[in-house]
Amino acid sequence: MDGVPGSDTLDVTIVVATMDRRESLRRTLSHLLALPGEPAVVLVDNGSADGSPDMAEREFGGSGRLEVVRLPRNRGALARNEGVRRARTGCVAFSDDDSWWAPEALPRAVAAFAARPRLGLVAARATLVPSGETDHASVKMAAAPLGRRADLPGPPVLGFAACASVVRRSAFLEVGGFDELIFFGGEEELLSLDLAAAGWEQCYLDDVEALHGPAGEVGPARWAVQERNGVLVDWLRLPLPVALRSTASLVAGAARDRHLAREVAALARRLPPALRRRRVVAPELQASWHRAHRPLPA
């Protein structure tokens, strides 16, 4: 890791991707720039039209720890890739423009990475604000569907929420970060598979807490995008029967849902490049993937 032992500055950079959410971004930046350890923050703006980057520079630029990157157009999850490339620390924590980190979270995550050289990703516990409830995805990871390992500080995982995750920068860059074909919506799944295929460990840590105050609901259009991207992941990394079944399910749903119908067309446009880049993961990783994605028992 790149940090200096005994330094008060944490070996972590926080990368925030944003687009047209000025007010929730203001809240997020106020929390992040008040964290102990004074982590640097890289804000990558996806071509906002609401003055978000101007507000960030005007109100928080004086901290000396905020870098604002203005992308000319919406790059989706790839905005995070740009932030990671600009980081100069061994670890990178992701926040969305409606999420932030608890004060003790990042020191705990950094310590976990320092102790385990092959740890590539920490999935944090996401607490919903203002209810205080734990997000369902975190509940599932805490239940350890992949079992437990004595050599990991928490249950192994395959899949995570970007806004509640910390990565080892070198591991993230090694596997290429978030994928342009997925763009946005469920982009974490492909990255998690690629980290695992490259031999990087991933685990859930319940005492590393991210706070999430959603700025908007996941509506039917966004849900349909995530469904389409899940099928794309199957075509990119899983066996042909799996990809065919999930494609058939998407097409069947499209007969009843106009949002899914639109995403079937989007899938058709993305299939040629997906097939060119298809790389099926090993059978043992396939088995772990299916276990990780089973619903929790009622």
Protein backbone atom coordinates (compact mmCIF):
# COMPACT_ATOMS: atom_id res chain seq x y z
CA MET A 1 0.00 0.00 0.00
CA ASP A 2 1.07 3.58 -0.60
CA GLY A 3 0.38 5.09 2.80
CA VAL A 4 3.07 6.25 5.18
CA PRO A 5 3.04 4.34 8.50
CA GLY A 6 2.03 6.64 11.31
CA SER A 7 0.63 9.27 8.96
CA ASP A 8 -2.66 10.88 9.88
CA THR A 9 -3.71 10.80 6.22
CA LEU A 10 -5.46 7.62 5.16
CA ASP A 11 -4.22 5.66 2.17
CA VAL A 12 -7.56 6.04 0.43
CA THR A 13 -9.18 8.34 -2.11
CA ILE A 14 -12.94 8.72 -2.38
CA VAL A 15 -14.30 8.81 -5.92
CA VAL A 16 -17.76 10.31 -6.43
CA ALA A 17 -19.59 10.12 -9.76
CA THR A 18 -22.46 12.57 -10.22
CA MET A 19 -24.93 13.94 -12.73
CA ASP A 20 -27.58 16.62 -12.13
CA ARG A 21 -28.01 16.05 -8.40
CA ARG A 22 -26.63 19.27 -7.00
CA GLU A 23 -28.47 19.28 -3.68
CA SER A 24 -27.76 15.67 -2.71
CA LEU A 25 -24.17 16.13 -3.91
CA ARG A 26 -23.78 19.10 -1.56
CA ARG A 27 -24.83 16.90 1.38
CA THR A 28 -22.49 14.10 0.31
CA LEU A 29 -19.45 16.34 -0.07
CA SER A 30 -20.06 17.98 3.30
CA HIS A 31 -19.93 14.54 4.94
CA LEU A 32 -16.94 13.26 2.98
CA LEU A 33 -14.78 16.31 3.55
CA ALA A 34 -15.44 16.14 7.30
CA LEU A 35 -14.09 12.59 7.61
CA PRO A 36 -11.13 11.89 9.88
CA GLY A 37 -7.92 11.00 8.09
CA GLU A 38 -8.62 13.73 5.50
CA PRO A 39 -9.01 11.47 2.46
CA ALA A 40 -8.79 13.12 -0.92
CA VAL A 41 -12.02 13.31 -2.91
CA VAL A 42 -12.21 13.12 -6.70
CA LEU A 43 -15.57 14.27 -8.04
CA VAL A 44 -16.23 13.17 -11.61
CA ASP A 45 -19.16 14.99 -13.20
CA ASN A 46 -21.03 13.25 -16.02
CA GLY A 47 -21.87 16.40 -17.96
CA SER A 48 -24.31 17.92 -15.45
CA ALA A 49 -26.55 20.74 -16.63
CA ASP A 50 -27.55 21.91 -13.12
CA GLY A 51 -24.30 23.57 -12.08
CA SER A 52 -23.14 20.69 -9.86
CA PRO A 53 -19.40 21.03 -10.59
CA ASP A 54 -19.51 24.80 -10.17
CA MET A 55 -21.22 24.40 -6.79
CA ALA A 56 -18.64 21.83 -5.70
CA GLU A 57 -15.69 24.02 -6.61
CA ARG A 58 -17.25 27.15 -5.12
CA GLU A 59 -18.33 25.63 -1.80
CA PHE A 60 -15.75 22.89 -1.22
CA GLY A 61 -12.75 23.73 -3.39
CA GLY A 62 -11.10 25.61 -0.55
CA SER A 63 -10.53 22.37 1.35
CA GLY A 64 -7.52 21.59 -0.84
CA ARG A 65 -8.67 17.95 -0.95
CA LEU A 66 -11.29 18.08 -3.70
CA GLU A 67 -10.50 17.58 -7.36
CA VAL A 68 -13.36 18.20 -9.79
CA VAL A 69 -13.24 16.43 -13.14
CA ARG A 70 -15.70 17.63 -15.78
CA LEU A 71 -16.58 15.07 -18.41
CA PRO A 72 -18.09 16.52 -21.60
CA ARG A 73 -20.86 13.90 -21.67
CA ASN A 74 -22.46 11.21 -19.56
CA ARG A 75 -20.08 8.26 -19.23
CA GLY A 76 -22.14 6.33 -16.72
CA ALA A 77 -20.13 4.11 -14.39
CA LEU A 78 -17.00 4.78 -16.42
CA ALA A 79 -16.79 8.11 -14.61
CA ARG A 80 -15.55 6.10 -11.64
CA ASN A 81 -12.76 4.65 -13.78
CA GLU A 82 -11.54 8.18 -14.48
CA GLY A 83 -11.55 8.93 -10.76
CA VAL A 84 -9.57 5.79 -9.94
CA ARG A 85 -6.96 6.64 -12.55
CA ARG A 86 -6.46 10.03 -10.91
CA ALA A 87 -6.14 8.61 -7.39
CA ARG A 88 -2.67 8.35 -5.88
CA THR A 89 -3.51 6.03 -3.01
CA GLY A 90 -3.51 2.27 -2.66
CA CYS A 91 -7.24 2.14 -1.93
CA VAL A 92 -10.24 3.82 -3.52
CA ALA A 93 -13.65 4.14 -1.87
CA PHE A 94 -16.70 4.81 -4.02
CA SER A 95 -19.54 7.11 -3.08
CA ASP A 96 -22.51 8.06 -5.16
CA ASP A 97 -23.83 11.61 -4.99
CA ASP A 98 -26.38 10.41 -2.43
CA SER A 99 -24.08 8.32 -0.20
CA TRP A 100 -21.17 8.86 2.16
CA TRP A 101 -19.00 6.99 4.69
CA ALA A 102 -19.28 6.67 8.46
CA PRO A 103 -16.30 8.22 10.28
CA GLU A 104 -14.72 4.92 11.31
CA ALA A 105 -15.42 3.04 8.06
CA LEU A 106 -12.47 3.86 5.85
CA PRO A 107 -9.72 3.30 8.48
CA ARG A 108 -11.14 -0.18 9.03
CA ALA A 109 -11.26 -0.90 5.31
CA VAL A 110 -7.70 0.34 4.76
CA ALA A 111 -6.46 -1.85 7.63
CA ALA A 112 -8.12 -4.90 6.05
CA PHE A 113 -6.36 -4.27 2.74
CA ALA A 114 -3.01 -3.69 4.44
CA ALA A 115 -3.27 -7.02 6.24
CA ARG A 116 -4.24 -9.09 3.16
CA PRO A 117 -2.27 -8.53 -0.04
CA ARG A 118 -4.77 -10.43 -2.24
CA LEU A 119 -7.84 -8.64 -0.93
CA GLY A 120 -9.19 -6.73 -3.92
CA LEU A 121 -12.55 -5.43 -2.69
CA VAL A 122 -14.42 -4.75 0.53
CA ALA A 123 -18.20 -4.61 0.38
CA ALA A 124 -19.50 -2.41 3.20
CA ARG A 125 -22.72 -2.49 5.16
CA ALA A 126 -25.09 0.02 3.55
CA THR A 127 -27.35 1.80 6.03
CA LEU A 128 -30.36 3.58 4.60
CA VAL A 129 -30.93 7.18 5.69
CA PRO A 130 -33.08 8.31 7.44
CA SER A 131 -34.65 4.95 8.40
CA GLY A 132 -31.47 3.38 9.74
CA GLU A 133 -32.35 0.06 8.11
CA THR A 134 -29.66 -2.13 6.59
CA ASP A 135 -29.97 -2.44 2.83
CA HIS A 136 -31.26 -5.84 1.64
CA ALA A 137 -28.09 -6.53 -0.36
CA SER A 138 -26.00 -6.08 2.79
CA VAL A 139 -28.30 -8.39 4.75
CA LYS A 140 -27.76 -11.04 2.09
CA MET A 141 -23.97 -10.67 2.11
CA ALA A 142 -23.91 -10.84 5.91
CA ALA A 143 -25.79 -14.16 5.70
CA ALA A 144 -22.70 -15.62 3.98
CA PRO A 145 -24.25 -17.53 1.05
CA LEU A 146 -20.69 -18.49 0.02
CA GLY A 147 -19.80 -19.68 3.53
CA ARG A 148 -16.98 -18.28 5.63
CA ARG A 149 -13.21 -18.50 5.40
CA ALA A 150 -10.77 -18.29 8.27
CA ASP A 151 -8.33 -16.28 6.15
CA LEU A 152 -10.82 -13.50 5.40
CA PRO A 153 -12.10 -10.90 7.89
CA GLY A 154 -15.67 -11.30 6.63
CA PRO A 155 -17.83 -13.51 4.41
CA PRO A 156 -16.61 -13.86 0.82
CA VAL A 157 -18.86 -12.17 -1.74
CA LEU A 158 -19.52 -12.11 -5.47
CA GLY A 159 -21.34 -8.88 -6.18
CA PHE A 160 -21.56 -5.61 -4.29
CA ALA A 161 -23.07 -2.13 -4.34
CA ALA A 162 -20.66 0.41 -5.80
CA CYS A 163 -21.74 3.14 -3.38
CA ALA A 164 -20.77 0.88 -0.47
CA SER A 165 -17.46 -0.51 -1.66
CA VAL A 166 -13.72 0.03 -1.35
CA VAL A 167 -11.26 -1.41 -3.87
CA ARG A 168 -7.55 -1.98 -4.09
CA ARG A 169 -6.61 0.42 -6.85
CA SER A 170 -4.14 -1.94 -8.52
CA ALA A 171 -6.70 -4.77 -8.64
CA PHE A 172 -9.37 -2.49 -10.09
CA LEU A 173 -7.08 -1.23 -12.83
CA GLU A 174 -5.73 -4.71 -13.55
CA VAL A 175 -9.18 -6.01 -14.56
CA GLY A 176 -10.19 -2.83 -16.39
CA GLY A 177 -12.63 -1.30 -13.91
CA PHE A 178 -16.26 -0.82 -14.83
CA ASP A 179 -17.19 -1.87 -18.36
CA GLU A 180 -18.34 0.48 -21.12
CA LEU A 181 -20.71 -2.13 -22.55
CA ILE A 182 -22.64 -2.32 -19.26
CA PHE A 183 -22.38 1.48 -18.86
CA PHE A 184 -24.65 1.84 -15.82
CA GLY A 185 -27.06 -0.28 -13.82
CA GLY A 186 -25.79 -3.53 -12.31
CA GLU A 187 -22.25 -2.69 -13.45
CA GLU A 188 -20.84 -4.20 -10.26
CA GLU A 189 -21.62 -7.80 -11.28
CA LEU A 190 -19.15 -7.98 -14.16
CA LEU A 191 -16.41 -6.29 -12.15
CA SER A 192 -16.91 -8.73 -9.27
CA LEU A 193 -16.66 -11.73 -11.62
CA ASP A 194 -13.54 -10.34 -13.26
CA LEU A 195 -11.84 -9.68 -9.93
CA ALA A 196 -12.58 -13.23 -8.82
CA ALA A 197 -11.38 -14.70 -12.12
CA ALA A 198 -8.11 -12.78 -11.71
CA GLY A 199 -7.60 -14.25 -8.23
CA TRP A 200 -8.57 -11.23 -6.15
CA GLU A 201 -10.47 -11.88 -2.93
CA GLN A 202 -13.65 -9.97 -2.06
CA CYS A 203 -15.39 -9.89 1.30
CA TYR A 204 -18.17 -8.20 3.24
CA LEU A 205 -17.25 -6.26 6.38
CA ASP A 206 -20.18 -5.43 8.63
CA ASP A 207 -18.21 -2.85 10.63
CA VAL A 208 -17.37 -0.82 7.51
CA GLU A 209 -20.47 1.33 7.10
CA ALA A 210 -21.66 3.41 4.17
CA LEU A 211 -24.71 5.64 4.58
CA HIS A 212 -27.12 5.91 1.67
CA GLY A 213 -29.86 8.50 1.40
CA PRO A 214 -31.32 7.68 -2.02
CA ALA A 215 -32.00 10.78 -4.09
CA GLY A 216 -34.57 8.93 -6.20
CA GLU A 217 -36.45 5.68 -6.58
CA VAL A 218 -35.37 2.88 -8.88
CA GLY A 219 -38.22 3.18 -11.40
CA PRO A 220 -39.32 0.64 -13.99
CA ALA A 221 -37.05 2.06 -16.70
CA ARG A 222 -33.92 1.74 -14.58
CA TRP A 223 -35.00 -1.70 -13.35
CA ALA A 224 -35.32 -2.81 -16.98
CA VAL A 225 -31.79 -1.57 -17.73
CA GLN A 226 -30.46 -3.62 -14.83
CA GLU A 227 -32.29 -6.69 -16.12
CA ARG A 228 -30.77 -6.20 -19.56
CA ASN A 229 -27.30 -5.74 -18.09
CA GLY A 230 -27.67 -8.94 -16.09
CA VAL A 231 -28.27 -10.77 -19.38
CA LEU A 232 -25.22 -9.06 -20.88
CA VAL A 233 -23.08 -10.33 -18.00
CA ASP A 234 -24.31 -13.85 -18.76
CA TRP A 235 -23.25 -13.50 -22.40
CA LEU A 236 -19.89 -12.06 -21.41
CA ARG A 237 -18.87 -14.56 -18.72
CA LEU A 238 -21.27 -17.49 -18.21
CA PRO A 239 -21.99 -20.68 -20.22
CA LEU A 240 -24.19 -20.54 -23.29
CA PRO A 241 -27.21 -22.32 -21.71
CA VAL A 242 -27.28 -19.72 -18.93
CA ALA A 243 -27.13 -16.84 -21.41
CA LEU A 244 -29.84 -18.35 -23.58
CA ARG A 245 -32.19 -18.89 -20.62
CA SER A 246 -31.79 -15.37 -19.31
CA THR A 247 -32.27 -13.94 -22.80
CA ALA A 248 -35.46 -15.94 -23.25
CA SER A 249 -36.73 -14.67 -19.91
CA LEU A 250 -36.01 -11.06 -20.91
CA VAL A 251 -37.80 -11.50 -24.24
CA ALA A 252 -40.80 -13.10 -22.52
CA GLY A 253 -41.01 -10.18 -20.09
CA ALA A 254 -40.82 -7.71 -22.96
CA ALA A 255 -44.20 -8.92 -24.21
CA ARG A 256 -45.75 -7.50 -21.03
CA ASP A 257 -43.50 -4.52 -20.25
CA ARG A 258 -42.61 -1.69 -22.62
CA HIS A 259 -39.44 -0.89 -20.68
CA LEU A 260 -38.17 -4.43 -21.09
CA ALA A 261 -39.13 -4.32 -24.76
CA ARG A 262 -36.87 -1.32 -25.24
CA GLU A 263 -34.04 -3.12 -23.46
CA VAL A 264 -34.40 -6.20 -25.67
CA ALA A 265 -33.57 -3.93 -28.60
CA ALA A 266 -30.66 -2.46 -26.66
CA LEU A 267 -29.42 -5.97 -25.89
CA ALA A 268 -29.49 -6.87 -29.58
CA ARG A 269 -27.24 -3.88 -30.34
CA ARG A 270 -24.77 -4.89 -27.63
CA LEU A 271 -24.60 -8.61 -28.36
CA PRO A 272 -22.06 -8.47 -31.23
CA PRO A 273 -19.37 -6.72 -29.12
CA ALA A 274 -20.30 -8.91 -26.13
CA LEU A 275 -19.74 -12.06 -28.18
CA ARG A 276 -16.38 -10.78 -29.40
CA ARG A 277 -15.33 -10.24 -25.79
CA ARG A 278 -16.93 -13.37 -24.36
CA ARG A 279 -14.69 -15.12 -21.80
CA VAL A 280 -16.42 -17.86 -19.81
CA VAL A 281 -15.24 -18.15 -16.21
CA ALA A 282 -14.11 -21.42 -14.61
CA PRO A 283 -16.77 -23.93 -13.46
CA GLU A 284 -16.00 -23.42 -9.76
CA LEU A 285 -16.51 -19.68 -10.12
CA GLN A 286 -19.76 -20.30 -12.00
CA ALA A 287 -20.99 -22.44 -9.10
CA SER A 288 -20.08 -19.74 -6.57
CA TRP A 289 -21.84 -17.13 -8.71
CA HIS A 290 -25.07 -19.11 -8.71
CA ARG A 291 -24.88 -19.66 -4.92
CA ALA A 292 -24.28 -15.96 -4.32
CA HIS A 293 -27.34 -15.00 -6.38
CA ARG A 294 -29.88 -17.39 -4.89
CA PRO A 295 -32.63 -15.63 -2.92
CA LEU A 296 -32.32 -15.79 0.86
CA PRO A 297 -34.57 -18.40 2.50
CA ALA A 298 -37.84 -16.92 3.70
